[in-house]
Amino acid sequence: MIQVLTPTNCVSGPPPKTDLDGMATRSTSRKASKPTQESALHQLHRASQFASDLFAGETHGMNITPRQFAVLQTIMADEGLSQTDLVLRTGIDRSTIADIVRRMQTKGLIKRKRTKADARVYAVSLTDKSRKVMVKAVPSAARADEKLLSALTSTERARLIQYLGKITNEAESQAHD
């Protein structure tokens, strides 16, 4: 990996410690460089990592991922949806939804049944096992959300959700063009 030195990232002193992949490890004594702090892509990635860690911590032992939780929550709100409906309601792409549904069916969390209206379409529903998981997972996910957003005021939280929605809606509209 080649690092381009610029006036903003050139620091004198010993080279940074690296992990097994040669990537710089976190340093508690230095703050991130200003260009990194101002990068929306980098900050969103860091926030996503933090959110995933919080979710994993709060749902420890439930054996579900944030995406699986989103799918289960969507099905819980409207049982009998098709996989296409799940794509539209969650924003998760078609191939990923197919993989998530397959994995959750294998784990006994969802059932798929062909619809009467169109034999090519499967209706997806929860199982007793997933209902039990969701009884625990819903409050756990809410705690993770609360911890994630704890540094923000209620107004800032609402704005953040609004701005993230605006970004994802724009991305989806560009994908359909």
Protein backbone atom coordinates (compact mmCIF):
# COMPACT_ATOMS: atom_id res chain seq x y z
CA MET A 1 0.00 0.00 0.00
CA ILE A 2 1.48 3.34 -1.04
CA GLN A 3 0.74 6.38 1.06
CA VAL A 4 0.89 9.75 -0.63
CA LEU A 5 2.37 12.30 1.72
CA THR A 6 0.73 15.69 1.78
CA PRO A 7 1.28 18.66 4.10
CA THR A 8 -1.75 17.53 6.14
CA ASN A 9 -0.69 13.92 6.72
CA CYS A 10 3.07 14.20 6.92
CA VAL A 11 3.97 13.74 10.56
CA SER A 12 7.49 13.61 11.93
CA GLY A 13 8.44 10.96 14.42
CA PRO A 14 8.40 7.18 14.44
CA PRO A 15 6.26 5.37 11.85
CA PRO A 16 2.79 4.35 13.03
CA LYS A 17 2.24 0.85 14.38
CA THR A 18 0.56 -1.49 11.91
CA ASP A 19 -1.59 -4.60 12.13
CA LEU A 20 -1.00 -7.86 10.25
CA ASP A 21 -2.37 -6.35 7.03
CA GLY A 22 0.04 -3.42 7.21
CA MET A 23 -2.78 -1.03 8.11
CA ALA A 24 -2.13 1.64 10.71
CA THR A 25 -3.66 0.75 14.06
CA ARG A 26 -5.70 3.17 16.11
CA SER A 27 -3.70 5.55 18.19
CA THR A 28 -5.26 6.99 21.29
CA SER A 29 -2.72 9.79 21.38
CA ARG A 30 -3.52 11.29 17.97
CA LYS A 31 -6.76 12.52 16.50
CA ALA A 32 -7.78 11.62 12.96
CA SER A 33 -6.44 13.98 10.34
CA LYS A 34 -8.68 16.83 9.29
CA PRO A 35 -9.32 15.42 5.79
CA THR A 36 -10.44 12.14 7.38
CA GLN A 37 -12.68 13.95 9.85
CA GLU A 38 -14.30 15.85 6.98
CA SER A 39 -14.87 12.77 4.80
CA ALA A 40 -18.53 11.78 4.85
CA LEU A 41 -17.65 8.37 3.44
CA HIS A 42 -15.13 7.70 6.19
CA GLN A 43 -17.38 8.99 8.98
CA LEU A 44 -20.36 6.96 7.71
CA HIS A 45 -18.16 3.85 7.60
CA ARG A 46 -16.96 4.45 11.17
CA ALA A 47 -20.53 5.07 12.36
CA SER A 48 -21.64 1.88 10.60
CA GLN A 49 -18.91 -0.10 12.36
CA PHE A 50 -19.93 1.41 15.70
CA ALA A 51 -23.62 0.65 15.02
CA SER A 52 -22.82 -2.96 14.08
CA ASP A 53 -20.75 -3.39 17.25
CA LEU A 54 -23.56 -1.96 19.38
CA PHE A 55 -26.14 -4.21 17.72
CA ALA A 56 -23.93 -7.27 18.19
CA GLY A 57 -23.40 -6.41 21.84
CA GLU A 58 -27.08 -5.85 22.54
CA THR A 59 -28.25 -8.96 20.64
CA HIS A 60 -25.45 -11.23 21.90
CA GLY A 61 -26.54 -14.85 21.75
CA MET A 62 -29.56 -14.19 19.50
CA ASN A 63 -27.58 -15.16 16.40
CA ILE A 64 -29.00 -12.49 14.07
CA THR A 65 -27.36 -9.72 12.06
CA PRO A 66 -28.65 -6.15 11.67
CA ARG A 67 -29.86 -6.97 8.15
CA GLN A 68 -31.62 -10.12 9.30
CA PHE A 69 -33.24 -8.08 12.04
CA ALA A 70 -34.43 -5.52 9.46
CA VAL A 71 -35.93 -8.29 7.35
CA LEU A 72 -37.61 -9.95 10.34
CA GLN A 73 -38.98 -6.60 11.51
CA THR A 74 -40.36 -5.92 8.02
CA ILE A 75 -42.01 -9.35 7.85
CA MET A 76 -43.35 -8.92 11.40
CA ALA A 77 -45.08 -5.70 10.30
CA ASP A 78 -46.66 -7.34 7.23
CA GLU A 79 -46.53 -11.13 7.02
CA GLY A 80 -46.84 -12.77 3.62
CA LEU A 81 -44.60 -10.33 1.75
CA SER A 82 -42.72 -11.58 -1.28
CA GLN A 83 -38.96 -11.32 -1.57
CA THR A 84 -39.50 -8.50 -4.07
CA ASP A 85 -41.59 -6.70 -1.45
CA LEU A 86 -38.74 -7.16 1.04
CA VAL A 87 -36.30 -5.58 -1.43
CA LEU A 88 -38.59 -2.58 -1.89
CA ARG A 89 -39.32 -2.11 1.82
CA THR A 90 -35.83 -2.66 3.22
CA GLY A 91 -33.68 -1.25 0.42
CA ILE A 92 -31.54 -4.39 0.53
CA ASP A 93 -30.63 -5.56 -2.98
CA ARG A 94 -32.31 -8.58 -4.55
CA SER A 95 -29.36 -11.02 -4.40
CA THR A 96 -28.60 -10.12 -0.77
CA ILE A 97 -32.27 -10.57 0.20
CA ALA A 98 -32.26 -13.98 -1.50
CA ASP A 99 -29.19 -14.97 0.53
CA ILE A 100 -30.61 -13.58 3.80
CA VAL A 101 -33.93 -15.37 3.26
CA ARG A 102 -32.15 -18.63 2.45
CA ARG A 103 -29.98 -18.39 5.58
CA MET A 104 -32.91 -17.46 7.82
CA GLN A 105 -34.99 -20.29 6.42
CA THR A 106 -32.13 -22.70 7.17
CA LYS A 107 -31.95 -21.32 10.73
CA GLY A 108 -35.71 -21.85 11.13
CA LEU A 109 -36.48 -18.13 11.43
CA ILE A 110 -38.76 -17.79 8.40
CA LYS A 111 -41.04 -19.91 6.24
CA ARG A 112 -41.52 -19.53 2.50
CA LYS A 113 -44.69 -20.65 0.78
CA ARG A 114 -45.71 -20.28 -2.86
CA THR A 115 -48.57 -17.85 -3.33
CA LYS A 116 -51.88 -18.93 -4.84
CA ALA A 117 -51.98 -15.91 -7.12
CA ASP A 118 -48.57 -16.61 -8.71
CA ALA A 119 -46.81 -19.96 -8.19
CA ARG A 120 -43.46 -18.32 -9.03
CA VAL A 121 -43.69 -16.03 -5.99
CA TYR A 122 -42.97 -17.03 -2.40
CA ALA A 123 -44.75 -15.42 0.54
CA VAL A 124 -42.43 -15.08 3.53
CA SER A 125 -43.61 -15.38 7.13
CA LEU A 126 -42.16 -15.67 10.61
CA THR A 127 -41.84 -18.90 12.56
CA ASP A 128 -42.47 -19.42 16.27
CA LYS A 129 -38.70 -19.39 16.73
CA SER A 130 -38.31 -15.98 15.06
CA ARG A 131 -41.21 -14.54 17.05
CA LYS A 132 -39.40 -15.55 20.25
CA VAL A 133 -36.16 -14.04 18.94
CA MET A 134 -37.92 -10.79 18.03
CA VAL A 135 -39.42 -10.46 21.53
CA LYS A 136 -35.84 -10.06 22.75
CA ALA A 137 -34.30 -8.46 19.64
CA VAL A 138 -36.68 -5.50 19.30
CA PRO A 139 -35.82 -3.95 22.68
CA SER A 140 -32.16 -4.88 22.19
CA ALA A 141 -32.04 -3.07 18.84
CA ALA A 142 -33.78 -0.08 20.40
CA ARG A 143 -31.07 0.04 23.08
CA ALA A 144 -28.39 -0.11 20.38
CA ASP A 145 -30.11 2.78 18.54
CA GLU A 146 -30.30 4.76 21.76
CA LYS A 147 -26.61 4.23 22.48
CA LEU A 148 -25.68 5.05 18.89
CA LEU A 149 -27.55 8.34 18.96
CA SER A 150 -26.85 9.27 22.59
CA ALA A 151 -24.48 12.11 21.63
CA LEU A 152 -27.27 13.87 19.68
CA THR A 153 -30.21 15.95 20.80
CA SER A 154 -33.68 14.82 19.71
CA THR A 155 -33.64 17.49 16.98
CA GLU A 156 -30.23 16.31 15.75
CA ARG A 157 -31.43 12.70 15.78
CA ALA A 158 -34.43 13.58 13.63
CA ARG A 159 -32.22 15.54 11.22
CA LEU A 160 -29.68 12.73 10.99
CA ILE A 161 -32.40 10.21 10.12
CA GLN A 162 -33.84 12.70 7.60
CA TYR A 163 -30.43 13.31 5.98
CA LEU A 164 -29.55 9.63 5.83
CA GLY A 165 -32.94 8.96 4.22
CA LYS A 166 -32.26 11.70 1.68
CA ILE A 167 -28.90 10.13 0.81
CA THR A 168 -30.33 6.62 0.44
CA ASN A 169 -33.33 7.83 -1.56
CA GLU A 170 -31.00 9.63 -3.96
CA ALA A 171 -28.82 6.55 -4.28
CA GLU A 172 -31.86 4.41 -5.04
CA SER A 173 -33.15 6.85 -7.66
CA GLN A 174 -29.72 6.90 -9.34
CA ALA A 175 -29.65 3.09 -9.34
CA HIS A 176 -32.97 3.03 -11.21
CA ASP A 177 -31.84 5.53 -13.87
